[in-house]
Structures are given as structure tokens and as C-alpha cells.
Amino acid sequence: PTRTMTFDSPSAVKRAVMAGLGIAMVSRLTVADDLAARRLVVVPVKCELPIRELFVVDHRQKHHGVACNAMLQELGRTFEL
């Protein structure tokens, strides 16, 4: 039987995997340092990955810095916002 666990942060997921509790699907950016240090390894999967909904929440009158504007523009191009 398959069992699932729920964690409140990516670091909690990484600690559970490093403790040998199982495997996880996370963003590569979340584990880049751990992969480089060989604390974690990538396990190739040949299955359809789950679809995730992403939402961008913004305040219309808030001033954004250069980095935030660049991120919003890239999200708009990538996901057709």
C-alpha cells in the first residue's frame, strides 16, 4: 500500500528523504545544493507528472523593483498571464 506524508516546507521534505523515509518530487532549485553535495540523488521517473495550478497575487498599486518586474514579465510570457 502507498502511504503519503504532508510537510510544511521543502526543507522538511528534504530532511525526511535524507532520513530514509522515502522519496519525494520537488523543484530542482529546492535541492540544487543537496544534489551538488551528493546528499540527495535524482531518481528518473517514466510517468506523467502531476499538474499544478500556479497563481500570481499582486497589488495593483504596489511599486515593484527591477527583479520583481522581470519575474512578473517572465511568468507572463511563460504561462500566458
C-alpha atoms as a PDB file:
ATOM      1  CA  PRO A   1       0.000   0.000   0.000  1.00  0.00           C
ATOM      2  CA  THR A   2       1.094   3.559  -0.755  1.00  0.00           C
ATOM      3  CA  ARG A   3       1.421   5.921   2.179  1.00  0.00           C
ATOM      4  CA  THR A   4       1.719   9.670   1.969  1.00  0.00           C
ATOM      5  CA  MET A   5       3.039  12.279   4.369  1.00  0.00           C
ATOM      6  CA  THR A   6       2.390  16.003   4.447  1.00  0.00           C
ATOM      7  CA  PHE A   7       5.139  18.511   5.231  1.00  0.00           C
ATOM      8  CA  ASP A   8       5.007  22.256   5.711  1.00  0.00           C
ATOM      9  CA  SER A   9       8.184  23.212   3.865  1.00  0.00           C
ATOM     10  CA  PRO A  10      10.611  21.968   1.212  1.00  0.00           C
ATOM     11  CA  SER A  11      13.350  21.681   3.845  1.00  0.00           C
ATOM     12  CA  ALA A  12      11.158  19.326   5.888  1.00  0.00           C
ATOM     13  CA  VAL A  13      10.664  17.181   2.795  1.00  0.00           C
ATOM     14  CA  LYS A  14      14.420  17.089   2.178  1.00  0.00           C
ATOM     15  CA  ARG A  15      15.139  16.122   5.799  1.00  0.00           C
ATOM     16  CA  ALA A  16      12.614  13.282   5.605  1.00  0.00           C
ATOM     17  CA  VAL A  17      14.168  11.942   2.401  1.00  0.00           C
ATOM     18  CA  MET A  18      17.690  12.243   3.834  1.00  0.00           C
ATOM     19  CA  ALA A  19      16.467  10.341   6.910  1.00  0.00           C
ATOM     20  CA  GLY A  20      15.433   7.474   4.639  1.00  0.00           C
ATOM     21  CA  LEU A  21      11.673   7.898   4.976  1.00  0.00           C
ATOM     22  CA  GLY A  22      11.040   7.682   1.235  1.00  0.00           C
ATOM     23  CA  ILE A  23      11.247   9.636  -1.997  1.00  0.00           C
ATOM     24  CA  ALA A  24       9.783  12.994  -2.980  1.00  0.00           C
ATOM     25  CA  MET A  25       9.021  15.133  -6.000  1.00  0.00           C
ATOM     26  CA  VAL A  26      10.278  18.680  -5.519  1.00  0.00           C
ATOM     27  CA  SER A  27      11.612  21.546  -7.593  1.00  0.00           C
ATOM     28  CA  ARG A  28      15.208  21.024  -8.719  1.00  0.00           C
ATOM     29  CA  LEU A  29      16.030  24.513  -7.401  1.00  0.00           C
ATOM     30  CA  THR A  30      14.962  23.396  -3.933  1.00  0.00           C
ATOM     31  CA  VAL A  31      17.556  20.622  -3.845  1.00  0.00           C
ATOM     32  CA  ALA A  32      20.365  22.011  -6.047  1.00  0.00           C
ATOM     33  CA  ASP A  33      22.875  22.318  -3.186  1.00  0.00           C
ATOM     34  CA  ASP A  34      21.997  18.870  -1.828  1.00  0.00           C
ATOM     35  CA  LEU A  35      22.408  17.306  -5.278  1.00  0.00           C
ATOM     36  CA  ALA A  36      25.792  19.010  -5.721  1.00  0.00           C
ATOM     37  CA  ALA A  37      26.901  17.771  -2.275  1.00  0.00           C
ATOM     38  CA  ARG A  38      25.538  14.277  -3.077  1.00  0.00           C
ATOM     39  CA  ARG A  39      23.254  14.274  -0.041  1.00  0.00           C
ATOM     40  CA  LEU A  40      20.380  13.579  -2.449  1.00  0.00           C
ATOM     41  CA  VAL A  41      20.180  11.950  -5.881  1.00  0.00           C
ATOM     42  CA  VAL A  42      17.785  12.279  -8.800  1.00  0.00           C
ATOM     43  CA  VAL A  43      15.686   9.201  -9.492  1.00  0.00           C
ATOM     44  CA  PRO A  44      14.444   9.243 -13.100  1.00  0.00           C
ATOM     45  CA  VAL A  45      10.722   8.553 -13.443  1.00  0.00           C
ATOM     46  CA  LYS A  46       8.868   7.463 -16.549  1.00  0.00           C
ATOM     47  CA  CYS A  47       5.378   8.523 -15.620  1.00  0.00           C
ATOM     48  CA  GLU A  48       3.169  11.507 -16.162  1.00  0.00           C
ATOM     49  CA  LEU A  49       3.850  14.165 -13.575  1.00  0.00           C
ATOM     50  CA  PRO A  50       1.008  15.812 -11.682  1.00  0.00           C
ATOM     51  CA  ILE A  51      -0.391  19.093 -12.969  1.00  0.00           C
ATOM     52  CA  ARG A  52      -0.033  22.022 -10.598  1.00  0.00           C
ATOM     53  CA  GLU A  53      -2.014  25.234 -10.639  1.00  0.00           C
ATOM     54  CA  LEU A  54       0.008  28.380 -10.061  1.00  0.00           C
ATOM     55  CA  PHE A  55      -1.440  31.726  -9.030  1.00  0.00           C
ATOM     56  CA  VAL A  56       0.164  35.152  -9.090  1.00  0.00           C
ATOM     57  CA  VAL A  57      -1.252  37.503  -6.489  1.00  0.00           C
ATOM     58  CA  ASP A  58      -0.307  41.153  -6.771  1.00  0.00           C
ATOM     59  CA  HIS A  59      -1.413  44.550  -5.509  1.00  0.00           C
ATOM     60  CA  ARG A  60      -2.181  46.848  -8.447  1.00  0.00           C
ATOM     61  CA  GLN A  61      -0.837  49.963  -6.729  1.00  0.00           C
ATOM     62  CA  LYS A  62       2.314  48.413  -5.264  1.00  0.00           C
ATOM     63  CA  HIS A  63       5.660  49.571  -6.670  1.00  0.00           C
ATOM     64  CA  HIS A  64       7.846  46.665  -7.783  1.00  0.00           C
ATOM     65  CA  GLY A  65      11.597  46.604  -8.071  1.00  0.00           C
ATOM     66  CA  VAL A  66      13.516  45.543 -11.154  1.00  0.00           C
ATOM     67  CA  ALA A  67      13.781  41.885 -10.098  1.00  0.00           C
ATOM     68  CA  CYS A  68      10.066  41.601  -9.318  1.00  0.00           C
ATOM     69  CA  ASN A  69       9.096  43.222 -12.623  1.00  0.00           C
ATOM     70  CA  ALA A  70      11.403  40.845 -14.501  1.00  0.00           C
ATOM     71  CA  MET A  71       9.849  37.859 -12.733  1.00  0.00           C
ATOM     72  CA  LEU A  72       6.306  39.032 -13.493  1.00  0.00           C
ATOM     73  CA  GLN A  73       7.203  39.567 -17.161  1.00  0.00           C
ATOM     74  CA  GLU A  74       8.782  36.113 -17.422  1.00  0.00           C
ATOM     75  CA  LEU A  75       5.764  34.490 -15.747  1.00  0.00           C
ATOM     76  CA  GLY A  76       3.519  36.354 -18.187  1.00  0.00           C
ATOM     77  CA  ARG A  77       5.497  35.079 -21.191  1.00  0.00           C
ATOM     78  CA  THR A  78       5.844  31.531 -19.894  1.00  0.00           C
ATOM     79  CA  PHE A  79       2.329  30.995 -18.584  1.00  0.00           C
ATOM     80  CA  GLU A  80       0.348  33.481 -20.677  1.00  0.00           C
ATOM     81  CA  LEU A  81      -0.893  35.543 -17.730  1.00  0.00           C
END
